[in-house]
């Protein structure tokens, strides 16, 4: 457990078990979100005639929203236990 990096919420920092559970769940969800994002970006580049800055902006927006949603979900899961 570290205060400098990783998935850090009040719930995940309570004890080592919560820390491990939060990281395991978050890593699985973030990996899946990344894979889905790659597909979305490739589809955007292939289907829509967007300039690279616009694709990058869409990519960053989706990444930010997915990270926030995953963080909230993981925090709720470990809070219930």
C-alpha atoms as a PDB file:
ATOM      1  CA  UNK A   1       0.000   0.000   0.000  1.00  0.00           C
ATOM      2  CA  UNK A   2       1.380   3.389  -0.972  1.00  0.00           C
ATOM      3  CA  UNK A   3       0.215   6.966  -0.681  1.00  0.00           C
ATOM      4  CA  UNK A   4       2.005   7.998  -3.872  1.00  0.00           C
ATOM      5  CA  UNK A   5       0.545   5.856  -6.656  1.00  0.00           C
ATOM      6  CA  UNK A   6      -2.197   3.448  -7.564  1.00  0.00           C
ATOM      7  CA  UNK A   7      -5.912   3.423  -6.983  1.00  0.00           C
ATOM      8  CA  UNK A   8      -6.278   5.756  -3.998  1.00  0.00           C
ATOM      9  CA  UNK A   9      -9.685   6.436  -2.490  1.00  0.00           C
ATOM     10  CA  UNK A  10     -10.658   6.633   1.158  1.00  0.00           C
ATOM     11  CA  UNK A  11     -12.191   3.150   0.957  1.00  0.00           C
ATOM     12  CA  UNK A  12      -9.289   1.506  -0.875  1.00  0.00           C
ATOM     13  CA  UNK A  13      -6.794   2.913   1.633  1.00  0.00           C
ATOM     14  CA  UNK A  14      -8.574   1.485   4.705  1.00  0.00           C
ATOM     15  CA  UNK A  15      -6.587  -1.747   4.779  1.00  0.00           C
ATOM     16  CA  UNK A  16      -4.409  -3.993   2.647  1.00  0.00           C
ATOM     17  CA  UNK A  17      -7.317  -6.285   1.663  1.00  0.00           C
ATOM     18  CA  UNK A  18      -9.377  -3.372   0.295  1.00  0.00           C
ATOM     19  CA  UNK A  19      -6.272  -2.052  -1.449  1.00  0.00           C
ATOM     20  CA  UNK A  20      -5.647  -5.348  -3.219  1.00  0.00           C
ATOM     21  CA  UNK A  21      -9.314  -5.864  -4.132  1.00  0.00           C
ATOM     22  CA  UNK A  22      -9.627  -2.332  -5.529  1.00  0.00           C
ATOM     23  CA  UNK A  23      -6.486  -2.700  -7.641  1.00  0.00           C
ATOM     24  CA  UNK A  24      -7.466  -6.098  -8.973  1.00  0.00           C
ATOM     25  CA  UNK A  25     -10.950  -4.960 -10.009  1.00  0.00           C
ATOM     26  CA  UNK A  26      -9.775  -1.593 -11.346  1.00  0.00           C
ATOM     27  CA  UNK A  27      -6.999  -3.175 -13.399  1.00  0.00           C
ATOM     28  CA  UNK A  28      -9.416  -5.593 -15.070  1.00  0.00           C
ATOM     29  CA  UNK A  29     -11.928  -2.853 -15.850  1.00  0.00           C
ATOM     30  CA  UNK A  30      -9.318  -0.371 -17.057  1.00  0.00           C
ATOM     31  CA  UNK A  31      -7.771  -2.990 -19.342  1.00  0.00           C
ATOM     32  CA  UNK A  32     -11.173  -3.702 -20.881  1.00  0.00           C
ATOM     33  CA  UNK A  33     -11.929  -0.001 -21.234  1.00  0.00           C
ATOM     34  CA  UNK A  34      -8.587   0.481 -22.987  1.00  0.00           C
ATOM     35  CA  UNK A  35      -9.301  -2.328 -25.426  1.00  0.00           C
ATOM     36  CA  UNK A  36     -12.734  -0.894 -26.199  1.00  0.00           C
ATOM     37  CA  UNK A  37     -11.225   2.562 -26.625  1.00  0.00           C
ATOM     38  CA  UNK A  38      -8.718   1.250 -29.171  1.00  0.00           C
ATOM     39  CA  UNK A  39     -11.591  -0.185 -31.216  1.00  0.00           C
ATOM     40  CA  UNK A  40     -13.552   3.077 -30.969  1.00  0.00           C
ATOM     41  CA  UNK A  41     -10.576   5.171 -32.102  1.00  0.00           C
ATOM     42  CA  UNK A  42      -9.846   2.833 -35.007  1.00  0.00           C
ATOM     43  CA  UNK A  43     -13.493   2.983 -36.066  1.00  0.00           C
ATOM     44  CA  UNK A  44     -13.511   6.774 -35.807  1.00  0.00           C
ATOM     45  CA  UNK A  45     -10.393   7.030 -37.931  1.00  0.00           C
ATOM     46  CA  UNK A  46     -11.794   4.651 -40.524  1.00  0.00           C
ATOM     47  CA  UNK A  47     -15.375   5.885 -40.715  1.00  0.00           C
ATOM     48  CA  UNK A  48     -15.275   9.608 -40.003  1.00  0.00           C
ATOM     49  CA  UNK A  49     -12.966  12.035 -41.773  1.00  0.00           C
ATOM     50  CA  UNK A  50     -11.641  13.596 -38.561  1.00  0.00           C
ATOM     51  CA  UNK A  51      -8.359  15.418 -38.126  1.00  0.00           C
ATOM     52  CA  UNK A  52      -5.904  13.849 -35.634  1.00  0.00           C
ATOM     53  CA  UNK A  53      -6.471  16.570 -32.992  1.00  0.00           C
ATOM     54  CA  UNK A  54     -10.213  15.837 -33.038  1.00  0.00           C
ATOM     55  CA  UNK A  55      -9.662  12.089 -32.697  1.00  0.00           C
ATOM     56  CA  UNK A  56      -7.261  12.794 -29.838  1.00  0.00           C
ATOM     57  CA  UNK A  57      -9.814  15.028 -28.124  1.00  0.00           C
ATOM     58  CA  UNK A  58     -12.517  12.356 -28.434  1.00  0.00           C
ATOM     59  CA  UNK A  59     -10.077   9.715 -27.170  1.00  0.00           C
ATOM     60  CA  UNK A  60      -9.109  11.807 -24.146  1.00  0.00           C
ATOM     61  CA  UNK A  61     -12.734  12.632 -23.346  1.00  0.00           C
ATOM     62  CA  UNK A  62     -13.815   9.002 -23.450  1.00  0.00           C
ATOM     63  CA  UNK A  63     -10.755   7.987 -21.410  1.00  0.00           C
ATOM     64  CA  UNK A  64     -11.504  10.559 -18.722  1.00  0.00           C
ATOM     65  CA  UNK A  65     -15.176   9.620 -18.451  1.00  0.00           C
ATOM     66  CA  UNK A  66     -14.392   5.894 -18.349  1.00  0.00           C
ATOM     67  CA  UNK A  67     -11.753   6.411 -15.638  1.00  0.00           C
ATOM     68  CA  UNK A  68     -14.163   8.419 -13.489  1.00  0.00           C
ATOM     69  CA  UNK A  69     -16.956   5.845 -13.924  1.00  0.00           C
ATOM     70  CA  UNK A  70     -14.597   2.931 -13.150  1.00  0.00           C
ATOM     71  CA  UNK A  71     -13.249   4.735 -10.074  1.00  0.00           C
ATOM     72  CA  UNK A  72     -16.773   5.345  -8.767  1.00  0.00           C
ATOM     73  CA  UNK A  73     -17.806   1.737  -9.491  1.00  0.00           C
ATOM     74  CA  UNK A  74     -14.764   0.181  -7.805  1.00  0.00           C
ATOM     75  CA  UNK A  75     -15.162   2.441  -4.796  1.00  0.00           C
ATOM     76  CA  UNK A  76     -18.824   1.411  -4.461  1.00  0.00           C
ATOM     77  CA  UNK A  77     -17.942  -2.284  -4.737  1.00  0.00           C
ATOM     78  CA  UNK A  78     -15.325  -2.163  -1.986  1.00  0.00           C
ATOM     79  CA  UNK A  79     -17.557   0.051   0.174  1.00  0.00           C
ATOM     80  CA  UNK A  80     -20.315  -2.588   0.176  1.00  0.00           C
ATOM     81  CA  UNK A  81     -17.980  -5.236   1.591  1.00  0.00           C
END
